[in-house]
Amino acid sequence: MTGLFLSRARLRRDTSVDALARLLVPEHPADRAAVSHRLVWALFADGADWTRDFLWRDEEAGKFMTLSARPPDDPPGLFDLEWKPFAPILSAGDRLAFTPRANPVVARSTGPGIRSNRHDLVMDLLYRWPDRERAVTRPEAALIAGRAWIARQGAACGFDILGDAAVDGYDQVRVPRAGGRPRLWQP
């Protein structure tokens, strides 16, 4: 991506949007994740050939942050949108703080010539423990897998993590998908 935009999209709080609140911000986490995903995609659905050229984060119910190659657009008028060019000037040795929210996966080969299966990184690590120990080991597995993952990302992208990276949580939500099995999503 070049020429990036950092955007904030908040569902409007007026009567016309508030009437749709239960549909746009469902209470159940899986429903909310699925609707949030569709809402953010709609902000970048400006043509029949649209592809994903953005990253997004659900900050709270009805509030999203995006980083994209173009500003979001909201023809239905559901959102209050704010955006600005994102062009940080960084130098070697700069120190940054950030709070990533990620869905890290690992690809495991199922055989020669067969497409690899993607697995949740924490669950992949947990499968190394006996079944009876997995529930109590889950927080430790999330910490180990999360720290190792962010360190690998840093090595691949040219940054180092100073100290121990905080891993604040690990959740799985089954997101309904049209025409297929639910996808796991870590909010």
Protein backbone atom coordinates (compact mmCIF):
# COMPACT_ATOMS: atom_id res chain seq x y z
CA MET A 1 0.00 0.00 0.00
CA THR A 2 1.18 3.49 -0.78
CA GLY A 3 -0.59 6.72 0.01
CA LEU A 4 -2.35 5.39 3.11
CA PHE A 5 -5.30 6.79 5.04
CA LEU A 6 -5.98 6.33 8.74
CA SER A 7 -9.71 6.50 9.38
CA ARG A 8 -12.21 6.38 12.19
CA ALA A 9 -15.76 5.23 11.44
CA ARG A 10 -18.43 5.58 14.13
CA LEU A 11 -22.01 4.48 13.68
CA ARG A 12 -24.15 7.58 13.85
CA ARG A 13 -26.28 8.01 16.97
CA ASP A 14 -29.26 9.73 15.38
CA THR A 15 -32.78 8.29 15.18
CA SER A 16 -32.51 6.79 11.69
CA VAL A 17 -29.40 4.74 12.52
CA ASP A 18 -30.45 4.05 16.11
CA ALA A 19 -33.53 2.25 14.79
CA LEU A 20 -31.14 -0.29 13.22
CA ALA A 21 -28.90 -0.58 16.29
CA ARG A 22 -29.84 -4.17 17.16
CA LEU A 23 -29.01 -5.24 13.61
CA LEU A 24 -25.82 -3.21 13.31
CA VAL A 25 -24.44 -3.95 16.79
CA PRO A 26 -25.76 -7.38 17.86
CA GLU A 27 -25.23 -8.52 21.44
CA HIS A 28 -23.82 -11.99 20.70
CA PRO A 29 -20.04 -11.80 20.03
CA ALA A 30 -20.12 -14.05 16.94
CA ASP A 31 -22.98 -12.08 15.39
CA ARG A 32 -21.27 -8.80 16.23
CA ALA A 33 -18.00 -9.97 14.65
CA ALA A 34 -19.77 -11.03 11.46
CA VAL A 35 -21.78 -7.79 11.19
CA SER A 36 -18.73 -5.64 11.99
CA HIS A 37 -16.79 -7.38 9.24
CA ARG A 38 -19.57 -6.70 6.72
CA LEU A 39 -19.97 -3.08 7.83
CA VAL A 40 -16.28 -2.30 7.39
CA TRP A 41 -16.18 -4.06 4.02
CA ALA A 42 -19.14 -1.91 2.94
CA LEU A 43 -17.04 1.22 3.54
CA PHE A 44 -14.67 0.08 0.78
CA ALA A 45 -17.17 -1.55 -1.62
CA ASP A 46 -17.03 1.11 -4.29
CA GLY A 47 -16.97 -1.17 -7.34
CA ALA A 48 -17.74 -4.66 -8.63
CA ASP A 49 -14.03 -5.55 -8.68
CA TRP A 50 -13.25 -4.43 -5.14
CA THR A 51 -10.57 -6.23 -3.21
CA ARG A 52 -9.40 -5.86 0.34
CA ASP A 53 -6.87 -3.06 0.47
CA PHE A 54 -7.39 -2.15 4.10
CA LEU A 55 -6.75 -3.27 7.67
CA TRP A 56 -9.36 -2.68 10.31
CA ARG A 57 -9.93 -2.90 14.02
CA ASP A 58 -13.12 -3.01 16.04
CA GLU A 59 -12.39 -0.49 18.81
CA GLU A 60 -15.76 -0.88 20.52
CA ALA A 61 -19.38 -1.47 19.55
CA GLY A 62 -19.98 0.50 16.35
CA LYS A 63 -16.55 2.17 16.26
CA PHE A 64 -13.83 1.06 13.85
CA MET A 65 -10.35 2.16 12.86
CA THR A 66 -9.03 1.44 9.37
CA LEU A 67 -5.76 1.80 7.52
CA SER A 68 -6.39 1.80 3.80
CA ALA A 69 -5.15 2.72 0.37
CA ARG A 70 -8.18 5.01 -0.12
CA PRO A 71 -10.54 6.82 2.22
CA PRO A 72 -13.71 4.96 3.23
CA ASP A 73 -17.01 5.91 1.61
CA ASP A 74 -20.45 5.62 3.19
CA PRO A 75 -23.25 6.27 0.67
CA PRO A 76 -25.98 4.96 3.04
CA GLY A 77 -24.87 7.50 5.67
CA LEU A 78 -24.61 5.07 8.59
CA PHE A 79 -21.27 6.39 9.85
CA ASP A 80 -19.56 9.54 10.99
CA LEU A 81 -16.28 9.27 9.10
CA GLU A 82 -12.96 10.97 9.79
CA TRP A 83 -9.74 10.29 7.93
CA LYS A 84 -6.33 11.74 7.38
CA PRO A 85 -3.27 10.79 5.37
CA PHE A 86 -1.06 8.31 7.16
CA ALA A 87 2.57 8.98 6.33
CA PRO A 88 4.73 8.61 9.43
CA ILE A 89 8.36 9.60 9.06
CA LEU A 90 10.39 6.94 10.81
CA SER A 91 14.12 6.65 11.31
CA ALA A 92 16.33 3.79 12.42
CA GLY A 93 16.37 3.66 16.20
CA ASP A 94 12.91 5.22 16.70
CA ARG A 95 10.89 3.67 19.48
CA LEU A 96 7.19 3.11 18.95
CA ALA A 97 4.40 1.76 21.10
CA PHE A 98 1.55 -0.09 19.47
CA THR A 99 -1.33 -2.32 20.44
CA PRO A 100 -1.86 -4.96 17.78
CA ARG A 101 -4.91 -7.15 17.63
CA ALA A 102 -4.18 -10.14 15.48
CA ASN A 103 -5.48 -13.49 14.33
CA PRO A 104 -2.17 -15.35 13.94
CA VAL A 105 -2.27 -18.67 12.16
CA VAL A 106 0.18 -21.36 11.17
CA ALA A 107 -0.01 -23.37 7.94
CA ARG A 108 0.47 -27.11 8.30
CA SER A 109 1.08 -29.24 5.24
CA THR A 110 -1.35 -32.10 4.67
CA GLY A 111 0.85 -33.75 2.06
CA PRO A 112 2.75 -33.10 -1.15
CA GLY A 113 0.76 -31.15 -3.72
CA ILE A 114 -2.10 -30.51 -1.27
CA ARG A 115 -2.91 -27.04 -0.02
CA SER A 116 -1.81 -26.49 3.58
CA ASN A 117 -4.39 -26.17 6.34
CA ARG A 118 -4.34 -22.98 8.40
CA HIS A 119 -4.66 -23.39 12.15
CA ASP A 120 -5.04 -20.98 15.04
CA LEU A 121 -1.54 -20.45 16.45
CA VAL A 122 -2.52 -20.91 20.11
CA MET A 123 -4.53 -24.06 19.44
CA ASP A 124 -1.65 -25.42 17.38
CA LEU A 125 0.59 -25.04 20.43
CA LEU A 126 -2.04 -26.45 22.81
CA TYR A 127 -2.27 -29.69 20.81
CA ARG A 128 1.22 -30.49 22.11
CA TRP A 129 -0.17 -30.79 25.66
CA PRO A 130 -2.30 -33.70 26.86
CA ASP A 131 -6.07 -33.12 26.54
CA ARG A 132 -6.62 -32.90 30.29
CA GLU A 133 -4.04 -30.08 30.64
CA ARG A 134 -5.18 -27.83 27.77
CA ALA A 135 -7.77 -25.77 29.64
CA VAL A 136 -5.40 -24.75 32.44
CA THR A 137 -2.49 -24.30 30.02
CA ARG A 138 -4.39 -22.06 27.60
CA PRO A 139 -3.29 -18.68 29.10
CA GLU A 140 0.34 -19.81 29.11
CA ALA A 141 0.02 -21.07 25.53
CA ALA A 142 -1.47 -17.73 24.42
CA LEU A 143 1.44 -15.88 26.05
CA ILE A 144 4.12 -18.14 24.53
CA ALA A 145 2.56 -18.25 21.06
CA GLY A 146 1.75 -14.52 21.02
CA ARG A 147 5.22 -13.42 22.04
CA ALA A 148 6.89 -15.77 19.57
CA TRP A 149 4.58 -14.62 16.78
CA ILE A 150 5.19 -10.88 17.33
CA ALA A 151 8.96 -11.51 17.54
CA ARG A 152 8.83 -13.33 14.17
CA GLN A 153 6.80 -10.48 12.68
CA GLY A 154 9.39 -8.02 13.93
CA ALA A 155 12.28 -10.00 12.50
CA ALA A 156 10.53 -10.20 9.13
CA CYS A 157 9.52 -6.51 9.10
CA GLY A 158 12.61 -4.89 10.62
CA PHE A 159 11.64 -4.12 14.21
CA ASP A 160 12.54 -5.50 17.63
CA ILE A 161 10.30 -5.88 20.63
CA LEU A 162 11.95 -4.33 23.69
CA GLY A 163 11.21 -6.33 26.81
CA ASP A 164 8.37 -8.80 26.97
CA ALA A 165 5.39 -8.15 24.74
CA ALA A 166 2.13 -8.08 26.65
CA VAL A 167 -0.42 -10.65 25.56
CA ASP A 168 -3.66 -9.40 27.07
CA GLY A 169 -6.07 -12.08 26.01
CA TYR A 170 -7.15 -14.83 23.74
CA ASP A 171 -10.72 -15.41 22.61
CA GLN A 172 -12.29 -17.56 19.96
CA VAL A 173 -15.57 -16.60 18.34
CA ARG A 174 -17.22 -18.70 15.65
CA VAL A 175 -18.23 -16.31 12.90
CA PRO A 176 -21.02 -17.56 10.63
CA ARG A 177 -20.07 -17.70 6.96
CA ALA A 178 -22.32 -18.02 3.97
CA GLY A 179 -21.75 -21.28 2.12
CA GLY A 180 -19.22 -22.77 4.49
CA ARG A 181 -18.26 -23.68 7.99
CA PRO A 182 -17.85 -20.90 10.57
CA ARG A 183 -14.49 -19.15 10.70
CA LEU A 184 -12.74 -18.63 14.02
CA TRP A 185 -12.06 -15.02 14.83
CA GLN A 186 -10.01 -13.65 17.69
CA PRO A 187 -11.47 -10.24 18.61
